[in-house]
Amino acid sequence: MATSCSTGTIPDKPNLLMRTFFPLLLLGLSLSACQFIAPDADGDRATPRLGKTFELAFGKTTQVSGTNLSLSFVDVGDSRCPKDVTCIWQGEGSVALDIVLAEDAIMPPGPDSLLIGDTLRIGPYGIQVLELNPYPEADVSTPKSSYRALLQVE
């Protein structure tokens, strides 16, 4: 008695493995390379806090959480040497801040201009400009509204 075999195709196990396992492996590696930034306790990632760096956009005002200190980014100066250009002077980036300390402290009039890396003491707080972005590029005019300052208050 003759036996018969089905003529259906049997899946190629190595090919099936390649089509399912490797895409999942790549997805897992991609996700593990991403850094998850957990929200602060109040759910806001952008809330400025003492000792934490935060970004302040040109023309914006922020209140430093847990303090009576508010900062407004009112002007910017940027004479830094553009990317891919050779300069004899590296230039400077400066951020002008209106600073309000809501207590009986006497504040200096007008905005305070800080160079990148400078720290200004106002009452018990030290305000430092860590970065100014974007970095200048040759033959590209950056509108003030595009600037962001990375700040830290101690």
N, C-alpha and C. Protein backbone atom coordinates (compact mmCIF):
# COMPACT_ATOMS: atom_id res chain seq x y z
N MET A 1 0.84 -1.15 0.00
CA MET A 1 0.00 0.00 0.00
C MET A 1 0.90 1.23 0.00
N ALA A 2 0.60 2.09 -0.88
CA ALA A 2 1.42 3.28 -1.06
C ALA A 2 0.93 4.37 -0.12
N THR A 3 1.87 5.11 0.41
CA THR A 3 1.51 6.24 1.25
C THR A 3 1.69 7.50 0.43
N SER A 4 0.88 8.45 0.73
CA SER A 4 1.01 9.70 -0.02
C SER A 4 1.36 10.84 0.92
N CYS A 5 2.04 11.76 0.40
CA CYS A 5 2.48 12.94 1.15
C CYS A 5 1.72 14.15 0.65
N SER A 6 1.44 15.04 1.53
CA SER A 6 0.80 16.30 1.12
C SER A 6 1.84 17.11 0.35
N THR A 7 1.39 17.81 -0.65
CA THR A 7 2.31 18.62 -1.44
C THR A 7 2.37 20.06 -0.95
N GLY A 8 1.77 20.32 0.21
CA GLY A 8 1.84 21.68 0.77
C GLY A 8 3.27 22.02 1.15
N THR A 9 3.56 23.29 1.30
CA THR A 9 4.93 23.72 1.62
C THR A 9 5.11 23.78 3.12
N ILE A 10 6.25 23.36 3.54
CA ILE A 10 6.62 23.43 4.95
C ILE A 10 7.40 24.72 5.14
N PRO A 11 7.02 25.53 6.15
CA PRO A 11 7.74 26.79 6.33
C PRO A 11 9.22 26.54 6.59
N ASP A 12 10.02 27.38 6.01
CA ASP A 12 11.46 27.32 6.19
C ASP A 12 11.77 27.97 7.53
N LYS A 13 12.17 27.16 8.53
CA LYS A 13 12.36 27.67 9.89
C LYS A 13 13.41 28.78 9.97
N PRO A 14 14.56 28.67 9.34
CA PRO A 14 15.51 29.78 9.42
C PRO A 14 14.96 31.07 8.81
N ASN A 15 14.24 30.97 7.71
CA ASN A 15 13.67 32.15 7.08
C ASN A 15 12.60 32.77 7.98
N LEU A 16 11.77 31.94 8.60
CA LEU A 16 10.74 32.42 9.52
C LEU A 16 11.38 33.12 10.71
N LEU A 17 12.46 32.53 11.22
CA LEU A 17 13.19 33.12 12.33
C LEU A 17 13.74 34.49 11.96
N MET A 18 14.31 34.60 10.78
CA MET A 18 14.87 35.87 10.32
C MET A 18 13.79 36.94 10.20
N ARG A 19 12.62 36.55 9.73
CA ARG A 19 11.55 37.52 9.51
C ARG A 19 10.87 37.97 10.79
N THR A 20 10.94 37.18 11.85
CA THR A 20 10.26 37.57 13.09
C THR A 20 11.22 37.99 14.19
N PHE A 21 12.28 37.22 14.37
CA PHE A 21 13.18 37.48 15.48
C PHE A 21 14.02 38.75 15.29
N PHE A 22 14.65 38.89 14.15
CA PHE A 22 15.55 40.01 13.94
C PHE A 22 14.86 41.37 13.95
N PRO A 23 13.68 41.53 13.36
CA PRO A 23 13.00 42.82 13.51
C PRO A 23 12.67 43.14 14.96
N LEU A 24 12.29 42.11 15.73
CA LEU A 24 12.02 42.34 17.16
C LEU A 24 13.30 42.69 17.90
N LEU A 25 14.39 42.03 17.55
CA LEU A 25 15.68 42.34 18.16
C LEU A 25 16.09 43.78 17.86
N LEU A 26 15.95 44.19 16.61
CA LEU A 26 16.29 45.57 16.23
C LEU A 26 15.41 46.58 16.95
N LEU A 27 14.13 46.29 17.07
CA LEU A 27 13.22 47.17 17.80
C LEU A 27 13.65 47.30 19.25
N GLY A 28 13.98 46.17 19.88
CA GLY A 28 14.42 46.18 21.27
C GLY A 28 15.69 46.99 21.46
N LEU A 29 16.65 46.81 20.55
CA LEU A 29 17.89 47.58 20.65
C LEU A 29 17.66 49.07 20.44
N SER A 30 16.78 49.38 19.51
CA SER A 30 16.46 50.80 19.25
C SER A 30 15.83 51.44 20.47
N LEU A 31 14.90 50.75 21.08
CA LEU A 31 14.23 51.31 22.26
C LEU A 31 15.17 51.43 23.45
N SER A 32 16.09 50.47 23.58
CA SER A 32 17.02 50.54 24.70
C SER A 32 18.02 51.67 24.52
N ALA A 33 18.24 52.11 23.29
CA ALA A 33 19.16 53.22 23.04
C ALA A 33 18.53 54.56 23.36
N CYS A 34 17.21 54.62 23.39
CA CYS A 34 16.51 55.87 23.71
C CYS A 34 16.54 56.08 25.21
N GLN A 35 16.71 57.32 25.62
CA GLN A 35 16.69 57.64 27.03
C GLN A 35 15.30 58.11 27.40
N PHE A 36 14.71 57.45 28.37
CA PHE A 36 13.40 57.85 28.83
C PHE A 36 13.58 58.94 29.86
N ILE A 37 12.91 60.05 29.67
CA ILE A 37 12.96 61.16 30.63
C ILE A 37 11.66 61.15 31.40
N ALA A 38 11.75 60.80 32.64
CA ALA A 38 10.55 60.74 33.46
C ALA A 38 10.10 62.15 33.83
N PRO A 39 8.81 62.39 33.85
CA PRO A 39 8.32 63.70 34.25
C PRO A 39 8.64 63.95 35.72
N ASP A 40 8.72 65.23 36.07
CA ASP A 40 8.89 65.59 37.47
C ASP A 40 7.66 65.16 38.25
N ALA A 41 7.73 65.31 39.56
CA ALA A 41 6.63 64.88 40.42
C ALA A 41 5.30 65.53 40.02
N ASP A 42 5.36 66.77 39.53
CA ASP A 42 4.12 67.44 39.15
C ASP A 42 3.76 67.17 37.69
N GLY A 43 4.53 66.27 37.01
CA GLY A 43 4.21 65.87 35.64
C GLY A 43 4.75 66.80 34.58
N ASP A 44 5.53 67.81 34.95
CA ASP A 44 6.03 68.79 33.98
C ASP A 44 7.53 68.64 33.82
N ARG A 45 7.99 68.33 32.63
CA ARG A 45 9.43 68.16 32.37
C ARG A 45 10.15 69.49 32.28
N ALA A 46 9.45 70.57 31.99
CA ALA A 46 10.11 71.84 31.72
C ALA A 46 10.11 72.78 32.92
N THR A 47 9.59 72.36 34.05
CA THR A 47 9.54 73.24 35.21
C THR A 47 10.94 73.48 35.76
N PRO A 48 11.40 74.73 35.75
CA PRO A 48 12.72 75.03 36.30
C PRO A 48 12.74 74.77 37.82
N ARG A 49 13.77 74.08 38.26
CA ARG A 49 13.94 73.77 39.68
C ARG A 49 15.37 74.11 40.09
N LEU A 50 15.55 74.40 41.37
CA LEU A 50 16.88 74.68 41.89
C LEU A 50 17.81 73.50 41.63
N GLY A 51 19.00 73.80 41.12
CA GLY A 51 20.00 72.77 40.89
C GLY A 51 19.80 71.96 39.62
N LYS A 52 18.74 72.21 38.86
CA LYS A 52 18.46 71.48 37.62
C LYS A 52 18.60 72.42 36.43
N THR A 53 19.13 71.91 35.32
CA THR A 53 19.22 72.73 34.13
C THR A 53 17.86 72.81 33.46
N PHE A 54 17.59 73.93 32.84
CA PHE A 54 16.34 74.12 32.11
C PHE A 54 16.57 75.06 30.96
N GLU A 55 15.69 74.99 29.98
CA GLU A 55 15.80 75.81 28.78
C GLU A 55 14.78 76.94 28.85
N LEU A 56 15.22 78.13 28.48
CA LEU A 56 14.34 79.29 28.42
C LEU A 56 14.43 79.88 27.02
N ALA A 57 13.28 79.98 26.36
CA ALA A 57 13.22 80.51 24.99
C ALA A 57 13.22 82.03 25.03
N PHE A 58 13.78 82.61 23.97
CA PHE A 58 13.78 84.07 23.84
C PHE A 58 12.34 84.60 23.92
N GLY A 59 12.16 85.67 24.70
CA GLY A 59 10.85 86.29 24.84
C GLY A 59 9.95 85.65 25.88
N LYS A 60 10.43 84.60 26.53
CA LYS A 60 9.61 83.87 27.51
C LYS A 60 10.05 84.21 28.93
N THR A 61 9.11 84.00 29.87
CA THR A 61 9.34 84.21 31.29
C THR A 61 9.04 82.91 32.02
N THR A 62 9.83 82.62 33.05
CA THR A 62 9.59 81.42 33.83
C THR A 62 9.77 81.72 35.31
N GLN A 63 9.10 80.95 36.13
CA GLN A 63 9.22 81.00 37.58
C GLN A 63 10.00 79.77 38.01
N VAL A 64 11.03 79.93 38.84
CA VAL A 64 11.80 78.79 39.33
C VAL A 64 11.01 78.17 40.48
N SER A 65 10.64 76.91 40.30
CA SER A 65 9.78 76.21 41.25
C SER A 65 10.36 76.23 42.67
N GLY A 66 9.50 76.51 43.64
CA GLY A 66 9.91 76.52 45.03
C GLY A 66 10.64 77.78 45.45
N THR A 67 10.69 78.79 44.56
CA THR A 67 11.37 80.04 44.89
C THR A 67 10.44 81.21 44.57
N ASN A 68 10.90 82.38 44.90
CA ASN A 68 10.20 83.61 44.52
C ASN A 68 10.96 84.34 43.42
N LEU A 69 11.64 83.57 42.56
CA LEU A 69 12.50 84.09 41.51
C LEU A 69 11.88 83.83 40.15
N SER A 70 11.76 84.89 39.34
CA SER A 70 11.31 84.70 37.95
C SER A 70 12.33 85.32 37.01
N LEU A 71 12.46 84.69 35.83
CA LEU A 71 13.45 85.10 34.84
C LEU A 71 12.76 85.30 33.50
N SER A 72 13.10 86.39 32.81
CA SER A 72 12.60 86.66 31.46
C SER A 72 13.79 86.83 30.53
N PHE A 73 13.78 86.11 29.41
CA PHE A 73 14.84 86.18 28.40
C PHE A 73 14.45 87.31 27.46
N VAL A 74 15.12 88.50 27.62
CA VAL A 74 14.69 89.70 26.90
C VAL A 74 15.60 90.12 25.75
N ASP A 75 16.84 89.66 25.73
CA ASP A 75 17.72 90.04 24.63
C ASP A 75 18.84 89.02 24.51
N VAL A 76 19.47 89.00 23.35
CA VAL A 76 20.56 88.07 23.09
C VAL A 76 21.62 88.79 22.26
N GLY A 77 22.87 88.47 22.55
CA GLY A 77 23.99 88.96 21.75
C GLY A 77 24.79 87.75 21.31
N ASP A 78 25.12 87.67 20.03
CA ASP A 78 25.83 86.49 19.56
C ASP A 78 26.88 86.87 18.52
N SER A 79 28.12 86.95 18.98
CA SER A 79 29.23 87.25 18.07
C SER A 79 30.16 86.04 17.96
N ARG A 80 29.66 84.84 18.33
CA ARG A 80 30.48 83.63 18.28
C ARG A 80 30.87 83.31 16.83
N CYS A 81 32.06 82.76 16.68
CA CYS A 81 32.56 82.37 15.37
C CYS A 81 31.68 81.25 14.82
N PRO A 82 31.12 81.41 13.62
CA PRO A 82 30.23 80.39 13.06
C PRO A 82 30.93 79.05 12.84
N LYS A 83 30.12 78.00 12.80
CA LYS A 83 30.62 76.65 12.49
C LYS A 83 31.35 76.69 11.14
N ASP A 84 32.38 75.88 11.01
CA ASP A 84 33.12 75.71 9.75
C ASP A 84 33.76 77.00 9.24
N VAL A 85 34.04 77.95 10.14
CA VAL A 85 34.71 79.19 9.77
C VAL A 85 35.92 79.33 10.68
N THR A 86 37.03 79.78 10.14
CA THR A 86 38.22 80.03 10.93
C THR A 86 38.22 81.51 11.32
N CYS A 87 38.26 81.77 12.62
CA CYS A 87 38.22 83.14 13.13
C CYS A 87 39.45 83.40 13.99
N ILE A 88 39.86 84.65 14.09
CA ILE A 88 40.97 85.00 14.97
C ILE A 88 40.48 85.22 16.40
N TRP A 89 39.18 85.35 16.58
CA TRP A 89 38.57 85.53 17.90
C TRP A 89 37.34 84.65 17.94
N GLN A 90 37.16 83.91 19.03
CA GLN A 90 36.03 82.98 19.12
C GLN A 90 34.68 83.66 19.30
N GLY A 91 34.70 84.91 19.76
CA GLY A 91 33.45 85.65 19.96
C GLY A 91 32.77 85.28 21.27
N GLU A 92 31.59 85.86 21.48
CA GLU A 92 30.85 85.65 22.72
C GLU A 92 29.37 85.50 22.44
N GLY A 93 28.73 84.78 23.33
CA GLY A 93 27.27 84.70 23.33
C GLY A 93 26.79 85.24 24.66
N SER A 94 25.79 86.10 24.62
CA SER A 94 25.28 86.66 25.88
C SER A 94 23.76 86.60 25.90
N VAL A 95 23.25 86.49 27.11
CA VAL A 95 21.82 86.42 27.36
C VAL A 95 21.46 87.54 28.32
N ALA A 96 20.46 88.35 27.95
CA ALA A 96 19.98 89.41 28.85
C ALA A 96 18.70 88.92 29.51
N LEU A 97 18.71 88.93 30.84
CA LEU A 97 17.58 88.45 31.62
C LEU A 97 17.00 89.57 32.47
N ASP A 98 15.69 89.69 32.48
CA ASP A 98 15.02 90.49 33.50
C ASP A 98 14.77 89.54 34.66
N ILE A 99 15.28 89.90 35.82
CA ILE A 99 15.21 89.02 36.98
C ILE A 99 14.37 89.70 38.05
N VAL A 100 13.39 88.97 38.54
CA VAL A 100 12.54 89.51 39.60
C VAL A 100 12.61 88.56 40.79
N LEU A 101 12.99 89.11 41.92
CA LEU A 101 13.02 88.37 43.17
C LEU A 101 11.92 88.96 44.03
N ALA A 102 10.83 88.27 44.18
CA ALA A 102 9.62 88.81 44.82
C ALA A 102 9.76 88.80 46.33
N GLU A 103 10.55 89.70 46.82
CA GLU A 103 10.66 89.96 48.25
C GLU A 103 11.19 91.38 48.40
N ASP A 104 11.60 91.74 49.55
CA ASP A 104 12.03 93.11 49.78
C ASP A 104 13.48 93.36 49.36
N ALA A 105 13.94 92.65 48.35
CA ALA A 105 15.30 92.86 47.86
C ALA A 105 15.33 94.01 46.85
N ILE A 106 16.40 94.76 46.85
CA ILE A 106 16.57 95.83 45.88
C ILE A 106 17.20 95.22 44.64
N MET A 107 16.50 95.36 43.51
CA MET A 107 16.96 94.78 42.26
C MET A 107 17.66 95.85 41.42
N PRO A 108 18.71 95.46 40.70
CA PRO A 108 19.32 96.42 39.79
C PRO A 108 18.35 96.75 38.66
N PRO A 109 18.37 97.98 38.17
CA PRO A 109 17.45 98.34 37.09
C PRO A 109 17.84 97.68 35.77
N GLY A 110 16.84 97.37 34.97
CA GLY A 110 17.08 96.83 33.62
C GLY A 110 17.54 95.39 33.64
N PRO A 111 17.69 94.83 32.44
CA PRO A 111 18.11 93.44 32.36
C PRO A 111 19.58 93.26 32.71
N ASP A 112 19.90 92.07 33.20
CA ASP A 112 21.28 91.69 33.49
C ASP A 112 21.78 90.85 32.32
N SER A 113 22.93 91.23 31.75
CA SER A 113 23.49 90.51 30.62
C SER A 113 24.57 89.57 31.12
N LEU A 114 24.42 88.29 30.76
CA LEU A 114 25.36 87.26 31.20
C LEU A 114 25.98 86.58 29.99
N LEU A 115 27.30 86.42 30.01
CA LEU A 115 27.99 85.65 28.98
C LEU A 115 27.82 84.16 29.28
N ILE A 116 27.98 83.34 28.26
CA ILE A 116 27.92 81.89 28.47
C ILE A 116 28.99 81.52 29.49
N GLY A 117 28.61 80.79 30.51
CA GLY A 117 29.51 80.39 31.58
C GLY A 117 29.47 81.29 32.80
N ASP A 118 28.93 82.51 32.65
CA ASP A 118 28.85 83.44 33.78
C ASP A 118 27.78 83.01 34.79
N THR A 119 28.01 83.41 36.04
CA THR A 119 27.03 83.22 37.10
C THR A 119 26.77 84.57 37.74
N LEU A 120 25.50 84.89 37.94
CA LEU A 120 25.09 86.13 38.58
C LEU A 120 24.42 85.78 39.90
N ARG A 121 24.84 86.47 40.99
CA ARG A 121 24.23 86.25 42.30
C ARG A 121 23.14 87.29 42.52
N ILE A 122 21.94 86.80 42.80
CA ILE A 122 20.80 87.66 43.13
C ILE A 122 20.21 87.08 44.42
N GLY A 123 20.31 87.84 45.51
CA GLY A 123 19.84 87.32 46.79
C GLY A 123 20.55 86.01 47.08
N PRO A 124 19.82 84.97 47.48
CA PRO A 124 20.46 83.70 47.80
C PRO A 124 20.72 82.81 46.58
N TYR A 125 20.41 83.29 45.39
CA TYR A 125 20.46 82.45 44.19
C TYR A 125 21.63 82.81 43.28
N GLY A 126 22.16 81.79 42.64
CA GLY A 126 23.16 81.97 41.59
C GLY A 126 22.55 81.52 40.28
N ILE A 127 22.53 82.39 39.28
CA ILE A 127 21.94 82.10 37.98
C ILE A 127 23.09 81.97 36.98
N GLN A 128 23.17 80.81 36.32
CA GLN A 128 24.27 80.56 35.38
C GLN A 128 23.73 80.24 33.99
N VAL A 129 24.38 80.84 32.98
CA VAL A 129 24.09 80.53 31.58
C VAL A 129 25.05 79.43 31.15
N LEU A 130 24.51 78.26 30.82
CA LEU A 130 25.34 77.12 30.44
C LEU A 130 25.56 77.04 28.93
N GLU A 131 24.52 77.32 28.16
CA GLU A 131 24.61 77.25 26.69
C GLU A 131 23.68 78.28 26.07
N LEU A 132 23.97 78.59 24.82
CA LEU A 132 23.10 79.42 24.01
C LEU A 132 22.96 78.74 22.66
N ASN A 133 21.74 78.42 22.29
CA ASN A 133 21.47 77.71 21.03
C ASN A 133 20.46 78.47 20.21
N PRO A 134 20.55 78.39 18.89
CA PRO A 134 21.46 77.58 18.09
C PRO A 134 22.83 78.23 17.98
N TYR A 135 23.81 77.41 17.63
CA TYR A 135 25.15 77.93 17.38
C TYR A 135 25.15 78.57 16.00
N PRO A 136 25.83 79.70 15.84
CA PRO A 136 25.81 80.39 14.54
C PRO A 136 26.38 79.55 13.39
N GLU A 137 25.82 79.76 12.22
CA GLU A 137 26.32 79.13 10.99
C GLU A 137 26.66 80.24 10.00
N ALA A 138 27.67 79.98 9.19
CA ALA A 138 28.10 80.96 8.19
C ALA A 138 26.96 81.26 7.23
N ASP A 139 26.78 82.51 6.90
CA ASP A 139 25.79 82.97 5.92
C ASP A 139 24.35 82.65 6.31
N VAL A 140 24.10 82.42 7.60
CA VAL A 140 22.74 82.17 8.07
C VAL A 140 22.43 83.17 9.18
N SER A 141 21.39 83.95 8.98
CA SER A 141 20.97 84.91 9.99
C SER A 141 19.96 84.24 10.92
N THR A 142 20.23 84.25 12.20
CA THR A 142 19.35 83.61 13.18
C THR A 142 18.47 84.66 13.82
N PRO A 143 17.15 84.56 13.68
CA PRO A 143 16.27 85.52 14.35
C PRO A 143 16.32 85.32 15.86
N LYS A 144 16.17 86.40 16.60
CA LYS A 144 16.22 86.31 18.06
C LYS A 144 15.21 85.30 18.59
N SER A 145 14.07 85.21 17.94
CA SER A 145 13.01 84.30 18.41
C SER A 145 13.43 82.83 18.37
N SER A 146 14.52 82.50 17.67
CA SER A 146 14.99 81.11 17.58
C SER A 146 15.92 80.72 18.72
N TYR A 147 16.38 81.70 19.49
CA TYR A 147 17.36 81.41 20.53
C TYR A 147 16.74 80.76 21.76
N ARG A 148 17.54 79.86 22.37
CA ARG A 148 17.18 79.18 23.61
C ARG A 148 18.42 79.22 24.50
N ALA A 149 18.21 79.56 25.77
CA ALA A 149 19.31 79.58 26.74
C ALA A 149 19.14 78.40 27.69
N LEU A 150 20.23 77.69 27.92
CA LEU A 150 20.23 76.63 28.91
C LEU A 150 20.75 77.25 30.19
N LEU A 151 19.93 77.24 31.22
CA LEU A 151 20.23 77.93 32.48
C LEU A 151 20.21 76.95 33.66
N GLN A 152 20.82 77.39 34.76
CA GLN A 152 20.74 76.65 36.01
C GLN A 152 20.71 77.66 37.14
N VAL A 153 19.85 77.42 38.10
CA VAL A 153 19.75 78.28 39.28
C VAL A 153 20.10 77.45 40.50
N GLU A 154 21.06 77.93 41.28
CA GLU A 154 21.48 77.24 42.52
C GLU A 154 21.03 78.04 43.71
